[in-house]
Structure formats: structure tokens, C-alpha cells
mmCIF file of all heavy atoms, coordinates in Angstrom:
data_MODEL
# 
_entry.id   MODEL 
# 
loop_
_atom_site.group_PDB 
_atom_site.id 
_atom_site.type_symbol 
_atom_site.label_atom_id 
_atom_site.label_alt_id 
_atom_site.label_comp_id 
_atom_site.label_asym_id 
_atom_site.label_entity_id 
_atom_site.label_seq_id 
_atom_site.pdbx_PDB_ins_code 
_atom_site.Cartn_x 
_atom_site.Cartn_y 
_atom_site.Cartn_z 
_atom_site.occupancy 
_atom_site.B_iso_or_equiv 
_atom_site.pdbx_formal_charge 
_atom_site.auth_seq_id 
_atom_site.auth_comp_id 
_atom_site.auth_asym_id 
_atom_site.auth_atom_id 
_atom_site.pdbx_PDB_model_num 
ATOM 1   N N   . MET A 1 1  ? 13.089  -2.584  9.026  1.00 0.00 ? 1  MET A N   1 
ATOM 2   C CA  . MET A 1 1  ? 11.729  -2.872  8.582  1.00 0.00 ? 1  MET A CA  1 
ATOM 3   C C   . MET A 1 1  ? 11.709  -3.417  7.153  1.00 0.00 ? 1  MET A C   1 
ATOM 4   O O   . MET A 1 1  ? 10.886  -4.275  6.814  1.00 0.00 ? 1  MET A O   1 
ATOM 5   C CB  . MET A 1 1  ? 10.851  -1.631  8.713  1.00 0.00 ? 1  MET A CB  1 
ATOM 6   C CG  . MET A 1 1  ? 10.597  -1.234  10.154 1.00 0.00 ? 1  MET A CG  1 
ATOM 7   S SD  . MET A 1 1  ? 9.182   -0.134  10.366 1.00 0.00 ? 1  MET A SD  1 
ATOM 8   C CE  . MET A 1 1  ? 7.810   -1.213  9.980  1.00 0.00 ? 1  MET A CE  1 
ATOM 9   N N   . LEU A 1 2  ? 12.624  -2.925  6.300  1.00 0.00 ? 2  LEU A N   1 
ATOM 10  C CA  . LEU A 1 2  ? 12.708  -3.476  4.951  1.00 0.00 ? 2  LEU A CA  1 
ATOM 11  C C   . LEU A 1 2  ? 13.112  -4.948  5.000  1.00 0.00 ? 2  LEU A C   1 
ATOM 12  O O   . LEU A 1 2  ? 12.545  -5.781  4.284  1.00 0.00 ? 2  LEU A O   1 
ATOM 13  C CB  . LEU A 1 2  ? 13.711  -2.698  4.102  1.00 0.00 ? 2  LEU A CB  1 
ATOM 14  C CG  . LEU A 1 2  ? 13.974  -3.289  2.702  1.00 0.00 ? 2  LEU A CG  1 
ATOM 15  C CD1 . LEU A 1 2  ? 12.699  -3.293  1.860  1.00 0.00 ? 2  LEU A CD1 1 
ATOM 16  C CD2 . LEU A 1 2  ? 15.090  -2.550  1.991  1.00 0.00 ? 2  LEU A CD2 1 
ATOM 17  N N   . ILE A 1 3  ? 14.091  -5.271  5.838  1.00 0.00 ? 3  ILE A N   1 
ATOM 18  C CA  . ILE A 1 3  ? 14.531  -6.663  5.972  1.00 0.00 ? 3  ILE A CA  1 
ATOM 19  C C   . ILE A 1 3  ? 13.365  -7.549  6.424  1.00 0.00 ? 3  ILE A C   1 
ATOM 20  O O   . ILE A 1 3  ? 13.152  -8.647  5.897  1.00 0.00 ? 3  ILE A O   1 
ATOM 21  C CB  . ILE A 1 3  ? 15.716  -6.765  6.951  1.00 0.00 ? 3  ILE A CB  1 
ATOM 22  C CG1 . ILE A 1 3  ? 16.948  -6.079  6.356  1.00 0.00 ? 3  ILE A CG1 1 
ATOM 23  C CG2 . ILE A 1 3  ? 16.016  -8.226  7.279  1.00 0.00 ? 3  ILE A CG2 1 
ATOM 24  C CD1 . ILE A 1 3  ? 18.082  -5.889  7.336  1.00 0.00 ? 3  ILE A CD1 1 
ATOM 25  N N   . ILE A 1 4  ? 12.595  -7.053  7.388  1.00 0.00 ? 4  ILE A N   1 
ATOM 26  C CA  . ILE A 1 4  ? 11.464  -7.826  7.909  1.00 0.00 ? 4  ILE A CA  1 
ATOM 27  C C   . ILE A 1 4  ? 10.398  -8.032  6.834  1.00 0.00 ? 4  ILE A C   1 
ATOM 28  O O   . ILE A 1 4  ? 9.867   -9.136  6.664  1.00 0.00 ? 4  ILE A O   1 
ATOM 29  C CB  . ILE A 1 4  ? 10.854  -7.111  9.144  1.00 0.00 ? 4  ILE A CB  1 
ATOM 30  C CG1 . ILE A 1 4  ? 11.855  -7.137  10.315 1.00 0.00 ? 4  ILE A CG1 1 
ATOM 31  C CG2 . ILE A 1 4  ? 9.530   -7.776  9.550  1.00 0.00 ? 4  ILE A CG2 1 
ATOM 32  C CD1 . ILE A 1 4  ? 11.437  -6.267  11.490 1.00 0.00 ? 4  ILE A CD1 1 
ATOM 33  N N   . TYR A 1 5  ? 10.105  -6.961  6.083  1.00 0.00 ? 5  TYR A N   1 
ATOM 34  C CA  . TYR A 1 5  ? 9.017   -7.011  5.104  1.00 0.00 ? 5  TYR A CA  1 
ATOM 35  C C   . TYR A 1 5  ? 9.476   -7.381  3.695  1.00 0.00 ? 5  TYR A C   1 
ATOM 36  O O   . TYR A 1 5  ? 8.642   -7.481  2.786  1.00 0.00 ? 5  TYR A O   1 
ATOM 37  C CB  . TYR A 1 5  ? 8.285   -5.667  5.063  1.00 0.00 ? 5  TYR A CB  1 
ATOM 38  C CG  . TYR A 1 5  ? 7.230   -5.548  6.125  1.00 0.00 ? 5  TYR A CG  1 
ATOM 39  C CD1 . TYR A 1 5  ? 7.557   -5.103  7.408  1.00 0.00 ? 5  TYR A CD1 1 
ATOM 40  C CD2 . TYR A 1 5  ? 5.912   -5.915  5.878  1.00 0.00 ? 5  TYR A CD2 1 
ATOM 41  C CE1 . TYR A 1 5  ? 6.591   -5.017  8.403  1.00 0.00 ? 5  TYR A CE1 1 
ATOM 42  C CE2 . TYR A 1 5  ? 4.945   -5.828  6.855  1.00 0.00 ? 5  TYR A CE2 1 
ATOM 43  C CZ  . TYR A 1 5  ? 5.290   -5.379  8.115  1.00 0.00 ? 5  TYR A CZ  1 
ATOM 44  O OH  . TYR A 1 5  ? 4.337   -5.301  9.099  1.00 0.00 ? 5  TYR A OH  1 
ATOM 45  N N   . TYR A 1 6  ? 10.763  -7.610  3.528  1.00 0.00 ? 6  TYR A N   1 
ATOM 46  C CA  . TYR A 1 6  ? 11.290  -7.893  2.188  1.00 0.00 ? 6  TYR A CA  1 
ATOM 47  C C   . TYR A 1 6  ? 10.547  -9.028  1.472  1.00 0.00 ? 6  TYR A C   1 
ATOM 48  O O   . TYR A 1 6  ? 10.214  -8.888  0.283  1.00 0.00 ? 6  TYR A O   1 
ATOM 49  C CB  . TYR A 1 6  ? 12.786  -8.188  2.266  1.00 0.00 ? 6  TYR A CB  1 
ATOM 50  C CG  . TYR A 1 6  ? 13.434  -8.359  0.916  1.00 0.00 ? 6  TYR A CG  1 
ATOM 51  C CD1 . TYR A 1 6  ? 13.702  -7.252  0.113  1.00 0.00 ? 6  TYR A CD1 1 
ATOM 52  C CD2 . TYR A 1 6  ? 13.754  -9.627  0.431  1.00 0.00 ? 6  TYR A CD2 1 
ATOM 53  C CE1 . TYR A 1 6  ? 14.281  -7.402  -1.133 1.00 0.00 ? 6  TYR A CE1 1 
ATOM 54  C CE2 . TYR A 1 6  ? 14.330  -9.785  -0.816 1.00 0.00 ? 6  TYR A CE2 1 
ATOM 55  C CZ  . TYR A 1 6  ? 14.594  -8.671  -1.594 1.00 0.00 ? 6  TYR A CZ  1 
ATOM 56  O OH  . TYR A 1 6  ? 15.156  -8.821  -2.834 1.00 0.00 ? 6  TYR A OH  1 
ATOM 57  N N   . PRO A 1 7  ? 10.266  -10.154 2.123  1.00 0.00 ? 7  PRO A N   1 
ATOM 58  C CA  . PRO A 1 7  ? 9.527   -11.217 1.409  1.00 0.00 ? 7  PRO A CA  1 
ATOM 59  C C   . PRO A 1 7  ? 8.176   -10.762 0.871  1.00 0.00 ? 7  PRO A C   1 
ATOM 60  O O   . PRO A 1 7  ? 7.757   -11.203 -0.210 1.00 0.00 ? 7  PRO A O   1 
ATOM 61  C CB  . PRO A 1 7  ? 9.358   -12.299 2.486  1.00 0.00 ? 7  PRO A CB  1 
ATOM 62  C CG  . PRO A 1 7  ? 10.482  -12.069 3.431  1.00 0.00 ? 7  PRO A CG  1 
ATOM 63  C CD  . PRO A 1 7  ? 10.645  -10.572 3.487  1.00 0.00 ? 7  PRO A CD  1 
ATOM 64  N N   . ALA A 1 8  ? 7.502   -9.882  1.572  1.00 0.00 ? 8  ALA A N   1 
ATOM 65  C CA  . ALA A 1 8  ? 6.161   -9.448  1.156  1.00 0.00 ? 8  ALA A CA  1 
ATOM 66  C C   . ALA A 1 8  ? 6.187   -8.480  -0.011 1.00 0.00 ? 8  ALA A C   1 
ATOM 67  O O   . ALA A 1 8  ? 5.182   -8.335  -0.715 1.00 0.00 ? 8  ALA A O   1 
ATOM 68  C CB  . ALA A 1 8  ? 5.434   -8.805  2.340  1.00 0.00 ? 8  ALA A CB  1 
ATOM 69  N N   . VAL A 1 9  ? 7.317   -7.804  -0.237 1.00 0.00 ? 9  VAL A N   1 
ATOM 70  C CA  . VAL A 1 9  ? 7.388   -6.816  -1.316 1.00 0.00 ? 9  VAL A CA  1 
ATOM 71  C C   . VAL A 1 9  ? 8.273   -7.274  -2.472 1.00 0.00 ? 9  VAL A C   1 
ATOM 72  O O   . VAL A 1 9  ? 8.390   -6.556  -3.471 1.00 0.00 ? 9  VAL A O   1 
ATOM 73  C CB  . VAL A 1 9  ? 7.887   -5.450  -0.781 1.00 0.00 ? 9  VAL A CB  1 
ATOM 74  C CG1 . VAL A 1 9  ? 6.952   -4.933  0.295  1.00 0.00 ? 9  VAL A CG1 1 
ATOM 75  C CG2 . VAL A 1 9  ? 9.319   -5.529  -0.261 1.00 0.00 ? 9  VAL A CG2 1 
ATOM 76  N N   . SER A 1 10 ? 8.880   -8.464  -2.345 1.00 0.00 ? 10 SER A N   1 
ATOM 77  C CA  . SER A 1 10 ? 9.830   -8.914  -3.358 1.00 0.00 ? 10 SER A CA  1 
ATOM 78  C C   . SER A 1 10 ? 9.455   -10.221 -4.035 1.00 0.00 ? 10 SER A C   1 
ATOM 79  O O   . SER A 1 10 ? 10.035  -10.575 -5.064 1.00 0.00 ? 10 SER A O   1 
ATOM 80  C CB  . SER A 1 10 ? 11.213  -9.090  -2.722 1.00 0.00 ? 10 SER A CB  1 
ATOM 81  O OG  . SER A 1 10 ? 11.218  -10.186 -1.821 1.00 0.00 ? 10 SER A OG  1 
ATOM 82  N N   . GLY A 1 11 ? 8.530   -10.981 -3.460 1.00 0.00 ? 11 GLY A N   1 
ATOM 83  C CA  . GLY A 1 11 ? 8.178   -12.279 -4.020 1.00 0.00 ? 11 GLY A CA  1 
ATOM 84  C C   . GLY A 1 11 ? 9.025   -13.424 -3.500 1.00 0.00 ? 11 GLY A C   1 
ATOM 85  O O   . GLY A 1 11 ? 8.866   -14.562 -3.958 1.00 0.00 ? 11 GLY A O   1 
ATOM 86  N N   . LEU A 1 12 ? 9.914   -13.154 -2.563 1.00 0.00 ? 12 LEU A N   1 
ATOM 87  C CA  . LEU A 1 12 ? 10.751  -14.205 -1.992 1.00 0.00 ? 12 LEU A CA  1 
ATOM 88  C C   . LEU A 1 12 ? 9.873   -15.272 -1.338 1.00 0.00 ? 12 LEU A C   1 
ATOM 89  O O   . LEU A 1 12 ? 8.958   -14.962 -0.576 1.00 0.00 ? 12 LEU A O   1 
ATOM 90  C CB  . LEU A 1 12 ? 11.700  -13.605 -0.950 1.00 0.00 ? 12 LEU A CB  1 
ATOM 91  C CG  . LEU A 1 12 ? 12.722  -14.545 -0.309 1.00 0.00 ? 12 LEU A CG  1 
ATOM 92  C CD1 . LEU A 1 12 ? 13.758  -14.972 -1.340 1.00 0.00 ? 12 LEU A CD1 1 
ATOM 93  C CD2 . LEU A 1 12 ? 13.400  -13.851 0.875  1.00 0.00 ? 12 LEU A CD2 1 
ATOM 94  N N   . THR A 1 13 ? 10.124  -16.533 -1.654 1.00 0.00 ? 13 THR A N   1 
ATOM 95  C CA  . THR A 1 13 ? 9.314   -17.629 -1.115 1.00 0.00 ? 13 THR A CA  1 
ATOM 96  C C   . THR A 1 13 ? 9.685   -17.906 0.341  1.00 0.00 ? 13 THR A C   1 
ATOM 97  O O   . THR A 1 13 ? 10.835  -18.201 0.655  1.00 0.00 ? 13 THR A O   1 
ATOM 98  C CB  . THR A 1 13 ? 9.507   -18.903 -1.941 1.00 0.00 ? 13 THR A CB  1 
ATOM 99  O OG1 . THR A 1 13 ? 9.141   -18.645 -3.301 1.00 0.00 ? 13 THR A OG1 1 
ATOM 100 C CG2 . THR A 1 13 ? 8.638   -20.034 -1.399 1.00 0.00 ? 13 THR A CG2 1 
ATOM 101 N N   . VAL A 1 14 ? 8.714   -17.771 1.215  1.00 0.00 ? 14 VAL A N   1 
ATOM 102 C CA  . VAL A 1 14 ? 8.890   -18.038 2.650  1.00 0.00 ? 14 VAL A CA  1 
ATOM 103 C C   . VAL A 1 14 ? 7.656   -18.785 3.134  1.00 0.00 ? 14 VAL A C   1 
ATOM 104 O O   . VAL A 1 14 ? 6.733   -19.057 2.370  1.00 0.00 ? 14 VAL A O   1 
ATOM 105 C CB  . VAL A 1 14 ? 9.080   -16.733 3.456  1.00 0.00 ? 14 VAL A CB  1 
ATOM 106 C CG1 . VAL A 1 14 ? 10.378  -16.027 3.068  1.00 0.00 ? 14 VAL A CG1 1 
ATOM 107 C CG2 . VAL A 1 14 ? 7.886   -15.788 3.252  1.00 0.00 ? 14 VAL A CG2 1 
ATOM 108 N N   . SER A 1 15 ? 7.609   -19.073 4.410  1.00 0.00 ? 15 SER A N   1 
ATOM 109 C CA  . SER A 1 15 ? 6.439   -19.763 4.948  1.00 0.00 ? 15 SER A CA  1 
ATOM 110 C C   . SER A 1 15 ? 5.228   -18.841 4.939  1.00 0.00 ? 15 SER A C   1 
ATOM 111 O O   . SER A 1 15 ? 5.351   -17.623 5.119  1.00 0.00 ? 15 SER A O   1 
ATOM 112 C CB  . SER A 1 15 ? 6.717   -20.241 6.381  1.00 0.00 ? 15 SER A CB  1 
ATOM 113 O OG  . SER A 1 15 ? 6.746   -19.145 7.269  1.00 0.00 ? 15 SER A OG  1 
ATOM 114 N N   . ALA A 1 16 ? 4.075   -19.441 4.733  1.00 0.00 ? 16 ALA A N   1 
ATOM 115 C CA  . ALA A 1 16 ? 2.828   -18.659 4.721  1.00 0.00 ? 16 ALA A CA  1 
ATOM 116 C C   . ALA A 1 16 ? 2.583   -18.017 6.080  1.00 0.00 ? 16 ALA A C   1 
ATOM 117 O O   . ALA A 1 16 ? 2.043   -16.899 6.160  1.00 0.00 ? 16 ALA A O   1 
ATOM 118 C CB  . ALA A 1 16 ? 1.659   -19.564 4.341  1.00 0.00 ? 16 ALA A CB  1 
ATOM 119 N N   . LYS A 1 17 ? 2.992   -18.686 7.141  1.00 0.00 ? 17 LYS A N   1 
ATOM 120 C CA  . LYS A 1 17 ? 2.806   -18.143 8.490  1.00 0.00 ? 17 LYS A CA  1 
ATOM 121 C C   . LYS A 1 17 ? 3.581   -16.843 8.667  1.00 0.00 ? 17 LYS A C   1 
ATOM 122 O O   . LYS A 1 17 ? 3.115   -15.913 9.318  1.00 0.00 ? 17 LYS A O   1 
ATOM 123 C CB  . LYS A 1 17 ? 3.232   -19.166 9.538  1.00 0.00 ? 17 LYS A CB  1 
ATOM 124 C CG  . LYS A 1 17 ? 2.291   -20.335 9.694  1.00 0.00 ? 17 LYS A CG  1 
ATOM 125 C CD  . LYS A 1 17 ? 2.749   -21.269 10.802 1.00 0.00 ? 17 LYS A CD  1 
ATOM 126 C CE  . LYS A 1 17 ? 1.784   -22.440 10.975 1.00 0.00 ? 17 LYS A CE  1 
ATOM 127 N NZ  . LYS A 1 17 ? 2.247   -23.369 12.050 1.00 0.00 ? 17 LYS A NZ  1 
ATOM 128 N N   . TYR A 1 18 ? 4.794   -16.782 8.089  1.00 0.00 ? 18 TYR A N   1 
ATOM 129 C CA  . TYR A 1 18 ? 5.604   -15.570 8.219  1.00 0.00 ? 18 TYR A CA  1 
ATOM 130 C C   . TYR A 1 18 ? 4.912   -14.383 7.537  1.00 0.00 ? 18 TYR A C   1 
ATOM 131 O O   . TYR A 1 18 ? 4.848   -13.281 8.091  1.00 0.00 ? 18 TYR A O   1 
ATOM 132 C CB  . TYR A 1 18 ? 6.994   -15.781 7.619  1.00 0.00 ? 18 TYR A CB  1 
ATOM 133 C CG  . TYR A 1 18 ? 7.899   -14.568 7.783  1.00 0.00 ? 18 TYR A CG  1 
ATOM 134 C CD1 . TYR A 1 18 ? 8.582   -14.360 8.974  1.00 0.00 ? 18 TYR A CD1 1 
ATOM 135 C CD2 . TYR A 1 18 ? 8.036   -13.622 6.771  1.00 0.00 ? 18 TYR A CD2 1 
ATOM 136 C CE1 . TYR A 1 18 ? 9.392   -13.251 9.146  1.00 0.00 ? 18 TYR A CE1 1 
ATOM 137 C CE2 . TYR A 1 18 ? 8.842   -12.508 6.930  1.00 0.00 ? 18 TYR A CE2 1 
ATOM 138 C CZ  . TYR A 1 18 ? 9.526   -12.327 8.118  1.00 0.00 ? 18 TYR A CZ  1 
ATOM 139 O OH  . TYR A 1 18 ? 10.312  -11.217 8.299  1.00 0.00 ? 18 TYR A OH  1 
ATOM 140 N N   . ILE A 1 19 ? 4.399   -14.614 6.323  1.00 0.00 ? 19 ILE A N   1 
ATOM 141 C CA  . ILE A 1 19 ? 3.702   -13.536 5.601  1.00 0.00 ? 19 ILE A CA  1 
ATOM 142 C C   . ILE A 1 19 ? 2.489   -13.068 6.405  1.00 0.00 ? 19 ILE A C   1 
ATOM 143 O O   . ILE A 1 19 ? 2.226   -11.866 6.521  1.00 0.00 ? 19 ILE A O   1 
ATOM 144 C CB  . ILE A 1 19 ? 3.279   -13.999 4.197  1.00 0.00 ? 19 ILE A CB  1 
ATOM 145 C CG1 . ILE A 1 19 ? 4.508   -14.281 3.328  1.00 0.00 ? 19 ILE A CG1 1 
ATOM 146 C CG2 . ILE A 1 19 ? 2.378   -12.961 3.529  1.00 0.00 ? 19 ILE A CG2 1 
ATOM 147 C CD1 . ILE A 1 19 ? 5.364   -13.075 3.014  1.00 0.00 ? 19 ILE A CD1 1 
ATOM 148 N N   . ASP A 1 20 ? 1.744   -14.015 6.961  1.00 0.00 ? 20 ASP A N   1 
ATOM 149 C CA  . ASP A 1 20 ? 0.559   -13.651 7.743  1.00 0.00 ? 20 ASP A CA  1 
ATOM 150 C C   . ASP A 1 20 ? 0.914   -12.819 8.972  1.00 0.00 ? 20 ASP A C   1 
ATOM 151 O O   . ASP A 1 20 ? 0.152   -11.949 9.391  1.00 0.00 ? 20 ASP A O   1 
ATOM 152 C CB  . ASP A 1 20 ? -0.199  -14.911 8.162  1.00 0.00 ? 20 ASP A CB  1 
ATOM 153 C CG  . ASP A 1 20 ? -0.872  -15.608 6.987  1.00 0.00 ? 20 ASP A CG  1 
ATOM 154 O OD1 . ASP A 1 20 ? -1.145  -14.915 5.987  1.00 0.00 ? 20 ASP A OD1 1 
ATOM 155 O OD2 . ASP A 1 20 ? -1.103  -16.826 7.061  1.00 0.00 ? 20 ASP A OD2 1 
ATOM 156 N N   . MET A 1 21 ? 2.084   -13.072 9.561  1.00 0.00 ? 21 MET A N   1 
ATOM 157 C CA  . MET A 1 21 ? 2.534   -12.301 10.722 1.00 0.00 ? 21 MET A CA  1 
ATOM 158 C C   . MET A 1 21 ? 2.790   -10.831 10.386 1.00 0.00 ? 21 MET A C   1 
ATOM 159 O O   . MET A 1 21 ? 2.720   -9.961  11.252 1.00 0.00 ? 21 MET A O   1 
ATOM 160 C CB  . MET A 1 21 ? 3.825   -12.916 11.290 1.00 0.00 ? 21 MET A CB  1 
ATOM 161 C CG  . MET A 1 21 ? 3.621   -14.213 12.070 1.00 0.00 ? 21 MET A CG  1 
ATOM 162 S SD  . MET A 1 21 ? 5.213   -14.990 12.490 1.00 0.00 ? 21 MET A SD  1 
ATOM 163 C CE  . MET A 1 21 ? 6.029   -13.639 13.359 1.00 0.00 ? 21 MET A CE  1 
ATOM 164 N N   . LEU A 1 22 ? 3.092   -10.557 9.110  1.00 0.00 ? 22 LEU A N   1 
ATOM 165 C CA  . LEU A 1 22 ? 3.425   -9.190  8.693  1.00 0.00 ? 22 LEU A CA  1 
ATOM 166 C C   . LEU A 1 22 ? 2.189   -8.296  8.540  1.00 0.00 ? 22 LEU A C   1 
ATOM 167 O O   . LEU A 1 22 ? 2.324   -7.083  8.434  1.00 0.00 ? 22 LEU A O   1 
ATOM 168 C CB  . LEU A 1 22 ? 4.185   -9.225  7.363  1.00 0.00 ? 22 LEU A CB  1 
ATOM 169 C CG  . LEU A 1 22 ? 5.518   -9.986  7.362  1.00 0.00 ? 22 LEU A CG  1 
ATOM 170 C CD1 . LEU A 1 22 ? 6.131   -9.959  5.972  1.00 0.00 ? 22 LEU A CD1 1 
ATOM 171 C CD2 . LEU A 1 22 ? 6.489   -9.398  8.377  1.00 0.00 ? 22 LEU A CD2 1 
ATOM 172 N N   . LYS A 1 23 ? 1.020   -8.885  8.535  1.00 0.00 ? 23 LYS A N   1 
ATOM 173 C CA  . LYS A 1 23 ? -0.211  -8.117  8.307  1.00 0.00 ? 23 LYS A CA  1 
ATOM 174 C C   . LYS A 1 23 ? -0.649  -7.444  9.597  1.00 0.00 ? 23 LYS A C   1 
ATOM 175 O O   . LYS A 1 23 ? -1.533  -7.917  10.317 1.00 0.00 ? 23 LYS A O   1 
ATOM 176 C CB  . LYS A 1 23 ? -1.304  -9.036  7.763  1.00 0.00 ? 23 LYS A CB  1 
ATOM 177 C CG  . LYS A 1 23 ? -0.916  -9.697  6.446  1.00 0.00 ? 23 LYS A CG  1 
ATOM 178 C CD  . LYS A 1 23 ? -1.947  -10.741 6.024  1.00 0.00 ? 23 LYS A CD  1 
ATOM 179 C CE  . LYS A 1 23 ? -1.514  -11.497 4.792  1.00 0.00 ? 23 LYS A CE  1 
ATOM 180 N NZ  . LYS A 1 23 ? -2.450  -12.573 4.419  1.00 0.00 ? 23 LYS A NZ  1 
ATOM 181 N N   . ILE A 1 24 ? -0.039  -6.291  9.869  1.00 0.00 ? 24 ILE A N   1 
ATOM 182 C CA  . ILE A 1 24 ? -0.307  -5.596  11.137 1.00 0.00 ? 24 ILE A CA  1 
ATOM 183 C C   . ILE A 1 24 ? -1.609  -4.800  11.100 1.00 0.00 ? 24 ILE A C   1 
ATOM 184 O O   . ILE A 1 24 ? -2.046  -4.289  12.119 1.00 0.00 ? 24 ILE A O   1 
ATOM 185 C CB  . ILE A 1 24 ? 0.876   -4.690  11.529 1.00 0.00 ? 24 ILE A CB  1 
ATOM 186 C CG1 . ILE A 1 24 ? 1.124   -3.643  10.441 1.00 0.00 ? 24 ILE A CG1 1 
ATOM 187 C CG2 . ILE A 1 24 ? 2.125   -5.531  11.781 1.00 0.00 ? 24 ILE A CG2 1 
ATOM 188 C CD1 . ILE A 1 24 ? 2.195   -2.629  10.800 1.00 0.00 ? 24 ILE A CD1 1 
ATOM 189 N N   . MET A 1 25 ? -2.188  -4.665  9.909  1.00 0.00 ? 25 MET A N   1 
ATOM 190 C CA  . MET A 1 25 ? -3.485  -3.998  9.786  1.00 0.00 ? 25 MET A CA  1 
ATOM 191 C C   . MET A 1 25 ? -4.484  -4.990  9.204  1.00 0.00 ? 25 MET A C   1 
ATOM 192 O O   . MET A 1 25 ? -4.132  -5.790  8.331  1.00 0.00 ? 25 MET A O   1 
ATOM 193 C CB  . MET A 1 25 ? -3.401  -2.767  8.881  1.00 0.00 ? 25 MET A CB  1 
ATOM 194 C CG  . MET A 1 25 ? -2.494  -1.670  9.385  1.00 0.00 ? 25 MET A CG  1 
ATOM 195 S SD  . MET A 1 25 ? -2.606  -0.199  8.329  1.00 0.00 ? 25 MET A SD  1 
ATOM 196 C CE  . MET A 1 25 ? -1.200  0.741   8.903  1.00 0.00 ? 25 MET A CE  1 
ATOM 197 N N   . LYS A 1 26 ? -5.718  -4.926  9.633  1.00 0.00 ? 26 LYS A N   1 
ATOM 198 C CA  . LYS A 1 26 ? -6.753  -5.817  9.120  1.00 0.00 ? 26 LYS A CA  1 
ATOM 199 C C   . LYS A 1 26 ? -7.002  -5.599  7.635  1.00 0.00 ? 26 LYS A C   1 
ATOM 200 O O   . LYS A 1 26 ? -7.442  -6.505  6.933  1.00 0.00 ? 26 LYS A O   1 
ATOM 201 C CB  . LYS A 1 26 ? -8.051  -5.620  9.906  1.00 0.00 ? 26 LYS A CB  1 
ATOM 202 C CG  . LYS A 1 26 ? -7.996  -6.131  11.344 1.00 0.00 ? 26 LYS A CG  1 
ATOM 203 C CD  . LYS A 1 26 ? -9.336  -5.955  12.027 1.00 0.00 ? 26 LYS A CD  1 
ATOM 204 C CE  . LYS A 1 26 ? -9.292  -6.499  13.462 1.00 0.00 ? 26 LYS A CE  1 
ATOM 205 N NZ  . LYS A 1 26 ? -10.591 -6.336  14.152 1.00 0.00 ? 26 LYS A NZ  1 
# 
């Protein structure tokens, strides 16, 4: 789960679509 969410908690630049996929709660 850390590997999956690492971009969202570290600032790593990835696609915006990937970050949006991580938002499992509204």
C-alpha cells in the first residue's frame, strides 16, 4: 500500500489520473 500511495505522500511527479485513482474516499 505504501508503494501504491507513495506518489501521493511524497510529491513524486506522476500522471494526474493516477493520483485521482488513489482517492478511495470522497
